[in-house]
Amino acid sequence: MKTIRKTIDLDQLPEMSKKALSRLDAIKDKDINYSDIPELNAAFWDNSNIITPEHKKEAISLRVDTDVLKWFKEQGKGYTTRMNAVLRHFYEVQQKSPPDHRSVK
């Protein structure tokens, strides 16, 4: 079977109408059928790339769950850089979402 890859420019998506956004917003998480969406397993992460951002850094004190910190440390040198990359990706996704549809409120 031939694999076809397409690149989607998230900045060029068509605008959704307020009515369509309202319908989507009204759907409760428990009512969404995820059966056709595969779980993110190890294979997904094996094919992923972490892009290290080149931004000014600031030293902070941050409380992190013990198991999460242990896992990042087990990945080797540069674990704080990888943690920052994960946080940056989440931040960038949130910035692209309309304010009333962000996962953090």
C-alpha atoms as a PDB file:
ATOM      1  CA  MET A   1       0.000   0.000   0.000  1.00  0.00           C
ATOM      2  CA  LYS A   2       1.346   3.398  -0.985  1.00  0.00           C
ATOM      3  CA  THR A   3       1.653   6.017   1.765  1.00  0.00           C
ATOM      4  CA  ILE A   4       0.564   9.525   0.900  1.00  0.00           C
ATOM      5  CA  ARG A   5       1.820  12.346   3.093  1.00  0.00           C
ATOM      6  CA  LYS A   6       0.279  15.790   3.163  1.00  0.00           C
ATOM      7  CA  THR A   7       1.415  18.864   5.016  1.00  0.00           C
ATOM      8  CA  ILE A   8      -1.246  21.082   6.539  1.00  0.00           C
ATOM      9  CA  ASP A   9      -0.459  24.702   7.253  1.00  0.00           C
ATOM     10  CA  LEU A  10      -2.312  25.358  10.510  1.00  0.00           C
ATOM     11  CA  ASP A  11      -2.131  29.096   9.862  1.00  0.00           C
ATOM     12  CA  GLN A  12      -4.076  28.710   6.598  1.00  0.00           C
ATOM     13  CA  LEU A  13      -7.140  26.806   7.843  1.00  0.00           C
ATOM     14  CA  PRO A  14     -10.560  28.202   6.882  1.00  0.00           C
ATOM     15  CA  GLU A  15     -12.466  30.092   9.575  1.00  0.00           C
ATOM     16  CA  MET A  16     -15.277  28.213  11.302  1.00  0.00           C
ATOM     17  CA  SER A  17     -18.599  29.946  11.679  1.00  0.00           C
ATOM     18  CA  LYS A  18     -19.738  30.955  15.149  1.00  0.00           C
ATOM     19  CA  LYS A  19     -22.623  28.495  14.756  1.00  0.00           C
ATOM     20  CA  ALA A  20     -20.232  25.601  13.974  1.00  0.00           C
ATOM     21  CA  LEU A  21     -17.954  26.539  16.873  1.00  0.00           C
ATOM     22  CA  SER A  22     -20.971  26.745  19.156  1.00  0.00           C
ATOM     23  CA  ARG A  23     -22.125  23.239  18.110  1.00  0.00           C
ATOM     24  CA  LEU A  24     -18.654  21.805  18.758  1.00  0.00           C
ATOM     25  CA  ASP A  25     -18.327  23.601  22.068  1.00  0.00           C
ATOM     26  CA  ALA A  26     -21.634  22.098  23.226  1.00  0.00           C
ATOM     27  CA  ILE A  27     -20.390  18.504  22.832  1.00  0.00           C
ATOM     28  CA  LYS A  28     -19.323  16.976  26.139  1.00  0.00           C
ATOM     29  CA  ASP A  29     -16.024  15.030  26.203  1.00  0.00           C
ATOM     30  CA  LYS A  30     -17.847  11.876  27.329  1.00  0.00           C
ATOM     31  CA  ASP A  31     -20.007  12.022  24.178  1.00  0.00           C
ATOM     32  CA  ILE A  32     -17.105  12.095  21.721  1.00  0.00           C
ATOM     33  CA  ASN A  33     -16.457   8.819  19.891  1.00  0.00           C
ATOM     34  CA  TYR A  34     -12.693   8.249  19.827  1.00  0.00           C
ATOM     35  CA  SER A  35     -12.892   4.687  18.455  1.00  0.00           C
ATOM     36  CA  ASP A  36     -11.346   5.608  15.090  1.00  0.00           C
ATOM     37  CA  ILE A  37      -8.448   7.545  16.632  1.00  0.00           C
ATOM     38  CA  PRO A  38      -5.448   5.401  17.559  1.00  0.00           C
ATOM     39  CA  GLU A  39      -3.881   5.873  20.993  1.00  0.00           C
ATOM     40  CA  LEU A  40      -0.498   7.582  21.071  1.00  0.00           C
ATOM     41  CA  ASN A  41       1.813   4.683  21.779  1.00  0.00           C
ATOM     42  CA  ALA A  42       5.591   4.294  21.854  1.00  0.00           C
ATOM     43  CA  ALA A  43       5.720   4.069  18.031  1.00  0.00           C
ATOM     44  CA  PHE A  44       4.268   7.577  17.746  1.00  0.00           C
ATOM     45  CA  TRP A  45       6.978   9.010  19.981  1.00  0.00           C
ATOM     46  CA  ASP A  46       9.687   6.957  18.211  1.00  0.00           C
ATOM     47  CA  ASN A  47       8.921   8.923  15.042  1.00  0.00           C
ATOM     48  CA  SER A  48       8.641  12.321  16.703  1.00  0.00           C
ATOM     49  CA  ASN A  49      11.223  15.078  16.731  1.00  0.00           C
ATOM     50  CA  ILE A  50      11.861  17.483  19.551  1.00  0.00           C
ATOM     51  CA  ILE A  51      12.706  20.909  18.249  1.00  0.00           C
ATOM     52  CA  THR A  52      14.793  22.872  20.675  1.00  0.00           C
ATOM     53  CA  PRO A  53      13.646  26.492  20.601  1.00  0.00           C
ATOM     54  CA  GLU A  54      16.151  29.309  20.555  1.00  0.00           C
ATOM     55  CA  HIS A  55      14.547  31.701  22.999  1.00  0.00           C
ATOM     56  CA  LYS A  56      15.854  33.599  25.989  1.00  0.00           C
ATOM     57  CA  LYS A  57      15.709  31.354  29.042  1.00  0.00           C
ATOM     58  CA  GLU A  58      14.965  32.301  32.628  1.00  0.00           C
ATOM     59  CA  ALA A  59      15.967  30.223  35.646  1.00  0.00           C
ATOM     60  CA  ILE A  60      12.982  29.381  37.862  1.00  0.00           C
ATOM     61  CA  SER A  61      12.034  27.026  40.647  1.00  0.00           C
ATOM     62  CA  LEU A  62       9.327  24.596  39.530  1.00  0.00           C
ATOM     63  CA  ARG A  63       7.586  21.774  41.368  1.00  0.00           C
ATOM     64  CA  VAL A  64       7.159  18.728  39.132  1.00  0.00           C
ATOM     65  CA  ASP A  65       5.624  15.344  39.902  1.00  0.00           C
ATOM     66  CA  THR A  66       8.342  12.929  41.004  1.00  0.00           C
ATOM     67  CA  ASP A  67       7.570  10.306  38.359  1.00  0.00           C
ATOM     68  CA  VAL A  68       7.557  12.904  35.569  1.00  0.00           C
ATOM     69  CA  LEU A  69      10.923  14.335  36.638  1.00  0.00           C
ATOM     70  CA  LYS A  70      12.389  10.834  37.017  1.00  0.00           C
ATOM     71  CA  TRP A  71      11.280   9.922  33.489  1.00  0.00           C
ATOM     72  CA  PHE A  72      12.765  13.079  31.940  1.00  0.00           C
ATOM     73  CA  LYS A  73      16.043  12.542  33.826  1.00  0.00           C
ATOM     74  CA  GLU A  74      16.169   8.938  32.586  1.00  0.00           C
ATOM     75  CA  GLN A  75      16.187  10.289  29.013  1.00  0.00           C
ATOM     76  CA  GLY A  76      19.685  11.622  29.658  1.00  0.00           C
ATOM     77  CA  LYS A  77      21.551  14.874  29.443  1.00  0.00           C
ATOM     78  CA  GLY A  78      19.444  17.856  28.425  1.00  0.00           C
ATOM     79  CA  TYR A  79      16.290  16.756  30.231  1.00  0.00           C
ATOM     80  CA  THR A  80      15.395  20.319  31.284  1.00  0.00           C
ATOM     81  CA  THR A  81      15.725  21.456  27.667  1.00  0.00           C
ATOM     82  CA  ARG A  82      13.339  18.672  26.625  1.00  0.00           C
ATOM     83  CA  MET A  83      10.893  19.659  29.375  1.00  0.00           C
ATOM     84  CA  ASN A  84      11.006  23.227  28.066  1.00  0.00           C
ATOM     85  CA  ALA A  85      10.392  21.984  24.498  1.00  0.00           C
ATOM     86  CA  VAL A  86       7.272  20.112  25.646  1.00  0.00           C
ATOM     87  CA  LEU A  87       6.010  23.198  27.487  1.00  0.00           C
ATOM     88  CA  ARG A  88       6.764  25.434  24.478  1.00  0.00           C
ATOM     89  CA  HIS A  89       4.832  23.123  22.141  1.00  0.00           C
ATOM     90  CA  PHE A  90       1.820  23.206  24.478  1.00  0.00           C
ATOM     91  CA  TYR A  91       2.091  27.006  24.704  1.00  0.00           C
ATOM     92  CA  GLU A  92       2.226  27.408  20.914  1.00  0.00           C
ATOM     93  CA  VAL A  93      -0.813  25.171  20.382  1.00  0.00           C
ATOM     94  CA  GLN A  94      -2.745  27.176  22.969  1.00  0.00           C
ATOM     95  CA  GLN A  95      -1.776  30.449  21.292  1.00  0.00           C
ATOM     96  CA  LYS A  96      -3.251  29.231  17.989  1.00  0.00           C
ATOM     97  CA  SER A  97      -6.566  28.238  19.616  1.00  0.00           C
ATOM     98  CA  PRO A  98      -9.369  30.764  19.943  1.00  0.00           C
ATOM     99  CA  PRO A  99      -9.369  32.068  23.551  1.00  0.00           C
ATOM    100  CA  ASP A 100     -12.719  30.430  24.355  1.00  0.00           C
ATOM    101  CA  HIS A 101     -11.495  27.010  23.100  1.00  0.00           C
ATOM    102  CA  ARG A 102      -8.155  26.749  24.922  1.00  0.00           C
ATOM    103  CA  SER A 103      -7.624  23.840  27.270  1.00  0.00           C
ATOM    104  CA  VAL A 104      -6.249  26.178  29.937  1.00  0.00           C
ATOM    105  CA  LYS A 105      -8.632  28.859  31.181  1.00  0.00           C
END
